[in-house]
Protein backbone atom coordinates (compact mmCIF):
# COMPACT_ATOMS: atom_id res chain seq x y z
CA UNK A 1 5.76 -1.59 -33.49
CA UNK A 2 4.66 -1.52 -30.00
CA UNK A 3 5.91 1.31 -27.60
CA UNK A 4 6.75 -0.66 -24.41
CA UNK A 5 4.61 0.57 -21.77
CA UNK A 6 6.70 2.07 -18.61
CA UNK A 7 6.76 0.10 -15.67
CA UNK A 8 5.42 1.48 -12.62
CA UNK A 9 6.07 0.65 -9.03
CA UNK A 10 3.68 0.89 -6.57
CA UNK A 11 3.95 -0.28 -2.90
CA UNK A 12 1.57 -2.17 -1.00
CA UNK A 13 -1.44 -0.73 0.06
CA UNK A 14 0.34 -1.48 3.84
CA UNK A 15 3.39 0.85 3.00
CA UNK A 16 1.21 3.72 2.45
CA UNK A 17 0.00 6.48 3.71
CA UNK A 18 -3.05 6.53 3.02
CA UNK A 19 -3.31 3.15 5.26
CA UNK A 20 -1.91 4.65 8.04
CA UNK A 21 -4.31 7.59 8.20
CA UNK A 22 -7.08 4.80 8.19
CA UNK A 23 -5.49 3.18 10.99
CA UNK A 24 -5.42 6.05 12.94
CA UNK A 25 -8.93 6.46 12.45
CA UNK A 26 -9.70 3.22 13.95
CA UNK A 27 -7.61 3.28 16.50
CA UNK A 28 -9.09 6.64 17.44
CA UNK A 29 -12.84 5.18 16.89
CA UNK A 30 -12.03 2.54 18.69
CA UNK A 31 -10.98 4.63 21.67
CA UNK A 32 -14.44 6.69 21.53
CA UNK A 33 -15.99 3.21 21.72
CA UNK A 34 -13.47 2.44 24.91
CA UNK A 35 -14.81 6.01 26.42
CA UNK A 36 -17.99 5.34 25.86
CA UNK A 37 -18.08 1.88 27.42
CA UNK A 38 -16.27 2.91 30.64
CA UNK A 39 -18.37 6.70 31.18
CA UNK A 40 -21.47 4.21 30.75
CA UNK A 41 -23.40 6.23 27.69
CA UNK A 42 -26.30 5.48 26.43
CA UNK A 43 -26.24 2.58 24.40
CA UNK A 44 -26.84 3.16 20.83
CA UNK A 45 -23.47 5.55 21.34
CA UNK A 46 -21.62 2.31 21.83
CA UNK A 47 -23.53 0.12 19.04
CA UNK A 48 -22.78 3.27 15.99
CA UNK A 49 -19.31 3.14 17.15
CA UNK A 50 -19.02 -0.63 17.08
CA UNK A 51 -20.42 -0.68 13.70
CA UNK A 52 -18.13 1.92 12.40
CA UNK A 53 -15.26 -0.34 13.90
CA UNK A 54 -16.23 -3.01 12.00
CA UNK A 55 -17.01 -0.87 8.53
CA UNK A 56 -13.26 0.56 8.64
CA UNK A 57 -11.75 -2.92 10.37
CA UNK A 58 -13.43 -4.12 7.03
CA UNK A 59 -11.91 -1.32 4.88
CA UNK A 60 -8.67 -2.23 5.71
CA UNK A 61 -8.70 -5.55 4.93
CA UNK A 62 -10.03 -5.24 1.87
CA UNK A 63 -7.68 -2.96 0.59
CA UNK A 64 -4.74 -4.50 2.22
CA UNK A 65 -6.11 -7.72 0.40
CA UNK A 66 -6.34 -5.97 -3.09
CA UNK A 67 -9.48 -7.16 -2.74
CA UNK A 68 -10.94 -3.58 -4.32
CA UNK A 69 -9.33 -4.55 -7.81
CA UNK A 70 -10.77 -7.97 -8.12
CA UNK A 71 -14.31 -7.47 -6.53
CA UNK A 72 -16.04 -5.36 -9.61
CA UNK A 73 -19.76 -5.83 -7.89
CA UNK A 74 -19.49 -2.56 -5.70
CA UNK A 75 -19.52 0.95 -6.79
CA UNK A 76 -16.21 1.92 -4.52
CA UNK A 77 -16.15 5.61 -5.56
CA UNK A 78 -19.97 5.90 -3.96
CA UNK A 79 -18.98 3.53 -0.68
CA UNK A 80 -15.39 5.46 -0.58
CA UNK A 81 -17.34 8.83 -0.39
CA UNK A 82 -19.90 7.60 2.29
CA UNK A 83 -17.46 6.68 4.91
CA UNK A 84 -14.31 7.33 3.84
């Protein structure tokens, strides 16, 4: 006879504190990029900040859609450690 498994109800990623913190990081990075553009900073600063905005946005979309649980081809702990 099998023992019943407890049902774990998880909130969607968009309703968690982790999502709020990642979204806040995206807002801060976009704000810094805007300040770099307005302050006419050297072009590499703007490009690197733009790359960071793109990567953060892609991770937010990935986590919100739940693709991190579907895609097994990436080594997720390494990616999380490097960027987040």
